[in-house]
C-alpha atoms as a PDB file:
ATOM      1  CA  MET A   1     -13.192  52.427 -15.499  1.00  0.00           C
ATOM      2  CA  ASN A   2     -11.466  49.174 -14.972  1.00  0.00           C
ATOM      3  CA  TYR A   3      -7.653  49.674 -14.408  1.00  0.00           C
ATOM      4  CA  ARG A   4      -7.005  45.989 -15.793  1.00  0.00           C
ATOM      5  CA  ASP A   5      -7.905  47.585 -19.337  1.00  0.00           C
ATOM      6  CA  ARG A   6      -4.913  49.842 -19.181  1.00  0.00           C
ATOM      7  CA  ILE A   7      -2.318  48.234 -17.093  1.00  0.00           C
ATOM      8  CA  THR A   8      -0.241  45.325 -18.739  1.00  0.00           C
ATOM      9  CA  ILE A   9       2.337  42.990 -17.272  1.00  0.00           C
ATOM     10  CA  ASN A  10       4.751  41.285 -19.740  1.00  0.00           C
ATOM     11  CA  PRO A  11       7.630  39.580 -18.422  1.00  0.00           C
ATOM     12  CA  LYS A  12       9.828  40.522 -21.433  1.00  0.00           C
ATOM     13  CA  GLN A  13       9.115  44.354 -21.076  1.00  0.00           C
ATOM     14  CA  ARG A  14      10.518  46.442 -18.169  1.00  0.00           C
ATOM     15  CA  GLY A  15      11.313  43.249 -16.080  1.00  0.00           C
ATOM     16  CA  GLY A  16       7.719  42.518 -15.925  1.00  0.00           C
ATOM     17  CA  GLN A  17       6.667  45.646 -14.179  1.00  0.00           C
ATOM     18  CA  PRO A  18       3.235  46.906 -14.630  1.00  0.00           C
ATOM     19  CA  CYS A  19       3.048  49.176 -17.545  1.00  0.00           C
ATOM     20  CA  ILE A  20       0.764  51.407 -19.064  1.00  0.00           C
ATOM     21  CA  ARG A  21      -0.892  50.103 -22.310  1.00  0.00           C
ATOM     22  CA  GLY A  22       1.766  48.039 -23.313  1.00  0.00           C
ATOM     23  CA  LEU A  23       4.242  51.123 -23.299  1.00  0.00           C
ATOM     24  CA  ARG A  24       7.610  51.351 -21.655  1.00  0.00           C
ATOM     25  CA  ILE A  25       6.370  53.476 -19.003  1.00  0.00           C
ATOM     26  CA  THR A  26       5.522  51.761 -15.704  1.00  0.00           C
ATOM     27  CA  VAL A  27       2.773  52.473 -12.926  1.00  0.00           C
ATOM     28  CA  TYR A  28       5.835  53.301 -10.754  1.00  0.00           C
ATOM     29  CA  ASP A  29       7.106  56.087 -13.100  1.00  0.00           C
ATOM     30  CA  ILE A  30       3.691  57.665 -12.900  1.00  0.00           C
ATOM     31  CA  LEU A  31       3.519  57.431  -9.029  1.00  0.00           C
ATOM     32  CA  GLU A  32       7.081  58.804  -8.753  1.00  0.00           C
ATOM     33  CA  TYR A  33       6.140  61.809 -10.997  1.00  0.00           C
ATOM     34  CA  LEU A  34       3.039  62.343  -8.963  1.00  0.00           C
ATOM     35  CA  ALA A  35       4.909  62.185  -5.586  1.00  0.00           C
ATOM     36  CA  SER A  36       7.454  64.585  -6.951  1.00  0.00           C
ATOM     37  CA  ASP A  37       4.697  67.112  -7.356  1.00  0.00           C
ATOM     38  CA  MET A  38       4.222  66.930 -10.891  1.00  0.00           C
ATOM     39  CA  THR A  39       0.685  67.499 -12.066  1.00  0.00           C
ATOM     40  CA  ARG A  40      -1.447  65.347 -14.187  1.00  0.00           C
ATOM     41  CA  ASP A  41      -1.125  68.151 -16.756  1.00  0.00           C
ATOM     42  CA  GLU A  42       2.610  68.274 -16.605  1.00  0.00           C
ATOM     43  CA  ILE A  43       2.988  64.594 -16.915  1.00  0.00           C
ATOM     44  CA  LEU A  44       0.563  64.580 -19.852  1.00  0.00           C
ATOM     45  CA  ARG A  45       2.419  67.522 -21.547  1.00  0.00           C
ATOM     46  CA  ASP A  46       5.820  65.508 -20.965  1.00  0.00           C
ATOM     47  CA  PHE A  47       4.555  62.273 -22.173  1.00  0.00           C
ATOM     48  CA  PRO A  48       1.948  63.118 -24.897  1.00  0.00           C
ATOM     49  CA  TYR A  49       1.358  59.376 -25.632  1.00  0.00           C
ATOM     50  CA  LEU A  50      -0.316  58.998 -22.146  1.00  0.00           C
ATOM     51  CA  GLU A  51      -3.989  59.801 -21.453  1.00  0.00           C
ATOM     52  CA  GLN A  52      -5.765  61.171 -18.287  1.00  0.00           C
ATOM     53  CA  GLU A  53      -7.130  57.682 -17.871  1.00  0.00           C
ATOM     54  CA  ASP A  54      -3.691  56.078 -17.719  1.00  0.00           C
ATOM     55  CA  ILE A  55      -2.954  58.267 -14.625  1.00  0.00           C
ATOM     56  CA  THR A  56      -6.066  57.352 -13.007  1.00  0.00           C
ATOM     57  CA  ALA A  57      -5.559  53.521 -13.903  1.00  0.00           C
ATOM     58  CA  ALA A  58      -1.953  53.890 -12.220  1.00  0.00           C
ATOM     59  CA  LEU A  59      -3.428  55.296  -8.959  1.00  0.00           C
ATOM     60  CA  MET A  60      -6.359  52.700  -8.957  1.00  0.00           C
ATOM     61  CA  TYR A  61      -3.626  49.775  -9.571  1.00  0.00           C
ATOM     62  CA  ALA A  62      -1.507  50.956  -6.713  1.00  0.00           C
ATOM     63  CA  ALA A  63      -4.537  51.524  -4.361  1.00  0.00           C
ATOM     64  CA  ASP A  64      -5.690  47.939  -5.062  1.00  0.00           C
ATOM     65  CA  ARG A  65      -2.182  46.423  -4.763  1.00  0.00           C
ATOM     66  CA  GLU A  66      -1.949  48.264  -1.385  1.00  0.00           C
ATOM     67  CA  LYS A  67      -5.441  47.110  -0.181  1.00  0.00           C
ATOM     68  CA  HIS A  68      -4.433  43.469  -1.227  1.00  0.00           C
ATOM     69  CA  MET A  69      -1.090  43.770   0.632  1.00  0.00           C
ATOM     70  CA  LEU A  70      -2.813  44.994   3.679  1.00  0.00           C
ATOM     71  CA  VAL A  71      -5.532  42.043   3.795  1.00  0.00           C
ATOM     72  CA  HIS A  72      -2.793  39.509   3.359  1.00  0.00           C
ATOM     73  CA  SER A  73      -0.456  40.864   6.189  1.00  0.00           C
ATOM     74  CA  ALA A  74      -3.420  40.948   8.646  1.00  0.00           C
END
């Protein structure tokens, strides 16, 4: 899966934060839910418009961003 197919960035939506498929939920929202020990199933139950692939895309986006930051800070 290519996370770029699911992550959208629109300056007019959520201050230009990366969002899931143009929805108002951001990558950071999903990461915070996971960091607070919510399971994927709990997230999907609380937000029925999300899909399993959306959570994976958020994680892939975060990993890619972290990798990019590490490369440029070295």
